[in-house]
């Protein structure tokens, strides 16, 4: 499996997923259901965006995702 994994394509799919969450239509729900939906959308976007920003390496069958969570002005 690891030999056939295209990590750049995987990262690209996460970028597409993050963008799709941003464009997701709000279903006709109200009240608590609406709040749960919005909260889930925010969490989905954050999760997908974090992976989408990762630098991926695949060495000896081990996939490593490195994510710099520091503010942009503090990154080296």
N, C-alpha and C. Protein backbone atom coordinates (compact mmCIF):
# COMPACT_ATOMS: atom_id res chain seq x y z
N UNK A 1 0.83 -1.20 0.00
CA UNK A 1 0.00 0.00 0.00
C UNK A 1 0.86 1.25 0.00
N UNK A 2 1.86 1.30 0.89
CA UNK A 2 2.68 2.50 1.02
C UNK A 2 3.41 2.83 -0.27
N UNK A 3 3.81 1.81 -1.02
CA UNK A 3 4.55 2.06 -2.26
C UNK A 3 3.67 2.73 -3.30
N UNK A 4 2.34 2.53 -3.23
CA UNK A 4 1.45 3.09 -4.23
C UNK A 4 0.79 4.40 -3.77
N UNK A 5 1.07 4.84 -2.58
CA UNK A 5 0.46 6.06 -2.06
C UNK A 5 1.13 7.28 -2.66
N UNK A 6 0.33 8.11 -3.28
CA UNK A 6 0.82 9.38 -3.83
C UNK A 6 0.47 10.46 -2.80
N UNK A 7 1.45 10.84 -1.98
CA UNK A 7 1.17 11.77 -0.88
C UNK A 7 0.78 13.16 -1.40
N UNK A 8 1.33 13.57 -2.52
CA UNK A 8 0.95 14.87 -3.09
C UNK A 8 -0.52 14.86 -3.52
N UNK A 9 -0.96 13.76 -4.09
CA UNK A 9 -2.36 13.63 -4.49
C UNK A 9 -3.26 13.59 -3.25
N UNK A 10 -2.80 12.93 -2.19
CA UNK A 10 -3.57 12.86 -0.95
C UNK A 10 -3.75 14.26 -0.37
N UNK A 11 -2.67 15.03 -0.33
CA UNK A 11 -2.73 16.40 0.19
C UNK A 11 -3.68 17.23 -0.69
N UNK A 12 -3.61 17.05 -1.99
CA UNK A 12 -4.50 17.78 -2.90
C UNK A 12 -5.96 17.44 -2.63
N UNK A 13 -6.25 16.18 -2.33
CA UNK A 13 -7.63 15.80 -2.01
C UNK A 13 -8.11 16.49 -0.73
N UNK A 14 -7.23 16.63 0.24
CA UNK A 14 -7.62 17.33 1.46
C UNK A 14 -7.84 18.81 1.19
N UNK A 15 -7.06 19.40 0.29
CA UNK A 15 -7.29 20.79 -0.10
C UNK A 15 -8.66 20.93 -0.75
N UNK A 16 -9.02 19.98 -1.61
CA UNK A 16 -10.34 20.01 -2.25
C UNK A 16 -11.45 19.84 -1.22
N UNK A 17 -11.25 18.97 -0.25
CA UNK A 17 -12.27 18.75 0.79
C UNK A 17 -12.46 20.01 1.63
N UNK A 18 -11.37 20.67 1.97
CA UNK A 18 -11.49 21.90 2.76
C UNK A 18 -12.28 22.95 1.98
N UNK A 19 -11.97 23.07 0.69
CA UNK A 19 -12.70 24.04 -0.14
C UNK A 19 -14.17 23.65 -0.26
N UNK A 20 -14.46 22.37 -0.36
CA UNK A 20 -15.85 21.91 -0.48
C UNK A 20 -16.65 22.21 0.78
N UNK A 21 -16.02 22.09 1.94
CA UNK A 21 -16.71 22.39 3.19
C UNK A 21 -17.10 23.87 3.22
N UNK A 22 -16.19 24.72 2.75
CA UNK A 22 -16.49 26.16 2.72
C UNK A 22 -17.69 26.47 1.83
N UNK A 23 -17.88 25.68 0.76
CA UNK A 23 -18.96 25.91 -0.18
C UNK A 23 -20.23 25.13 0.17
N UNK A 24 -20.15 24.31 1.21
CA UNK A 24 -21.28 23.44 1.59
C UNK A 24 -22.52 24.27 1.87
N UNK A 25 -23.62 23.87 1.25
CA UNK A 25 -24.90 24.55 1.49
C UNK A 25 -25.46 24.15 2.84
N UNK A 26 -26.12 25.09 3.46
CA UNK A 26 -26.76 24.84 4.75
C UNK A 26 -28.12 24.20 4.51
N UNK A 27 -28.33 23.00 5.05
CA UNK A 27 -29.64 22.37 4.84
C UNK A 27 -30.72 23.12 5.60
N UNK A 28 -31.96 22.86 5.25
CA UNK A 28 -33.07 23.58 5.91
C UNK A 28 -33.31 23.06 7.33
N UNK A 29 -32.40 23.43 8.22
CA UNK A 29 -32.53 23.04 9.62
C UNK A 29 -32.53 24.29 10.48
N UNK A 30 -33.05 24.15 11.68
CA UNK A 30 -33.11 25.31 12.57
C UNK A 30 -32.73 24.88 13.97
N UNK A 31 -32.53 25.87 14.82
CA UNK A 31 -32.28 25.62 16.23
C UNK A 31 -31.01 24.84 16.50
N UNK A 32 -31.12 23.85 17.37
CA UNK A 32 -29.95 23.07 17.78
C UNK A 32 -29.34 22.30 16.62
N UNK A 33 -30.18 21.78 15.72
CA UNK A 33 -29.65 21.05 14.57
C UNK A 33 -28.78 21.95 13.71
N UNK A 34 -29.21 23.17 13.51
CA UNK A 34 -28.43 24.12 12.72
C UNK A 34 -27.09 24.39 13.39
N UNK A 35 -27.08 24.58 14.70
CA UNK A 35 -25.84 24.84 15.42
C UNK A 35 -24.89 23.64 15.34
N UNK A 36 -25.45 22.43 15.45
CA UNK A 36 -24.62 21.23 15.33
C UNK A 36 -24.02 21.12 13.93
N UNK A 37 -24.83 21.42 12.91
CA UNK A 37 -24.35 21.37 11.54
C UNK A 37 -23.21 22.36 11.33
N UNK A 38 -23.40 23.59 11.80
CA UNK A 38 -22.37 24.62 11.65
C UNK A 38 -21.10 24.25 12.39
N UNK A 39 -21.24 23.71 13.60
CA UNK A 39 -20.07 23.29 14.38
C UNK A 39 -19.32 22.18 13.65
N UNK A 40 -20.06 21.21 13.10
CA UNK A 40 -19.42 20.11 12.37
C UNK A 40 -18.71 20.63 11.13
N UNK A 41 -19.32 21.57 10.43
CA UNK A 41 -18.69 22.15 9.24
C UNK A 41 -17.39 22.86 9.60
N UNK A 42 -17.39 23.59 10.71
CA UNK A 42 -16.17 24.28 11.15
C UNK A 42 -15.08 23.27 11.49
N UNK A 43 -15.45 22.21 12.19
CA UNK A 43 -14.47 21.19 12.56
C UNK A 43 -13.96 20.45 11.32
N UNK A 44 -14.85 20.13 10.38
CA UNK A 44 -14.43 19.48 9.14
C UNK A 44 -13.44 20.35 8.40
N UNK A 45 -13.77 21.64 8.25
CA UNK A 45 -12.87 22.55 7.54
C UNK A 45 -11.51 22.60 8.22
N UNK A 46 -11.50 22.75 9.53
CA UNK A 46 -10.23 22.84 10.26
C UNK A 46 -9.40 21.57 10.06
N UNK A 47 -10.03 20.42 10.20
CA UNK A 47 -9.31 19.16 10.04
C UNK A 47 -8.74 19.02 8.63
N UNK A 48 -9.58 19.26 7.62
CA UNK A 48 -9.11 19.13 6.25
C UNK A 48 -8.03 20.16 5.93
N UNK A 49 -8.19 21.38 6.41
CA UNK A 49 -7.22 22.44 6.13
C UNK A 49 -5.88 22.15 6.78
N UNK A 50 -5.89 21.59 7.97
CA UNK A 50 -4.63 21.24 8.63
C UNK A 50 -3.87 20.21 7.82
N UNK A 51 -4.55 19.15 7.40
CA UNK A 51 -3.88 18.13 6.59
C UNK A 51 -3.46 18.71 5.25
N UNK A 52 -4.30 19.58 4.68
CA UNK A 52 -3.97 20.19 3.39
C UNK A 52 -2.72 21.04 3.45
N UNK A 53 -2.40 21.60 4.61
CA UNK A 53 -1.20 22.42 4.78
C UNK A 53 0.03 21.61 5.18
N UNK A 54 -0.14 20.31 5.37
CA UNK A 54 0.96 19.48 5.84
C UNK A 54 2.01 19.26 4.76
N UNK A 55 3.21 19.07 5.21
CA UNK A 55 4.30 18.62 4.34
C UNK A 55 4.41 17.12 4.61
N UNK A 56 4.22 16.33 3.57
CA UNK A 56 4.18 14.88 3.74
C UNK A 56 5.46 14.23 3.23
N UNK A 57 5.90 13.23 3.96
CA UNK A 57 7.01 12.39 3.51
C UNK A 57 6.61 10.94 3.72
N UNK A 58 7.09 10.09 2.84
CA UNK A 58 6.85 8.66 2.94
C UNK A 58 8.20 7.97 2.87
N UNK A 59 8.66 7.48 4.01
CA UNK A 59 9.97 6.85 4.09
C UNK A 59 9.84 5.50 4.76
N UNK A 60 10.34 4.48 4.09
CA UNK A 60 10.33 3.12 4.62
C UNK A 60 8.93 2.69 5.07
N UNK A 61 7.92 3.09 4.29
CA UNK A 61 6.55 2.69 4.61
C UNK A 61 5.88 3.49 5.70
N UNK A 62 6.53 4.56 6.16
CA UNK A 62 5.97 5.39 7.23
C UNK A 62 5.61 6.75 6.65
N UNK A 63 4.33 7.08 6.73
CA UNK A 63 3.85 8.38 6.28
C UNK A 63 3.95 9.37 7.44
N UNK A 64 4.66 10.46 7.22
CA UNK A 64 4.80 11.49 8.23
C UNK A 64 4.22 12.79 7.68
N UNK A 65 3.31 13.38 8.45
CA UNK A 65 2.73 14.67 8.09
C UNK A 65 3.27 15.69 9.07
N UNK A 66 3.92 16.71 8.56
CA UNK A 66 4.49 17.77 9.40
C UNK A 66 3.66 19.03 9.17
N UNK A 67 3.10 19.55 10.27
CA UNK A 67 2.23 20.71 10.19
C UNK A 67 2.78 21.79 11.12
N UNK A 68 3.08 22.93 10.55
CA UNK A 68 3.57 24.06 11.34
C UNK A 68 2.36 24.91 11.74
N UNK A 69 2.01 24.88 13.01
CA UNK A 69 0.84 25.59 13.50
C UNK A 69 1.16 26.99 14.04
N UNK A 70 2.41 27.38 13.92
CA UNK A 70 2.78 28.73 14.36
C UNK A 70 2.20 29.76 13.39
N UNK A 71 1.95 30.98 13.88
CA UNK A 71 1.50 32.04 12.96
C UNK A 71 2.52 32.23 11.83
N UNK A 72 2.05 32.65 10.67
CA UNK A 72 2.91 32.77 9.49
C UNK A 72 4.14 33.63 9.75
N UNK A 73 4.00 34.68 10.55
CA UNK A 73 5.15 35.57 10.80
C UNK A 73 6.17 34.97 11.77
N UNK A 74 5.87 33.83 12.35
CA UNK A 74 6.79 33.18 13.28
C UNK A 74 7.41 31.91 12.70
N UNK A 75 7.08 31.60 11.47
CA UNK A 75 7.62 30.39 10.83
C UNK A 75 9.00 30.67 10.27
N UNK A 76 9.82 29.66 10.31
CA UNK A 76 11.19 29.83 9.79
C UNK A 76 11.30 29.37 8.36
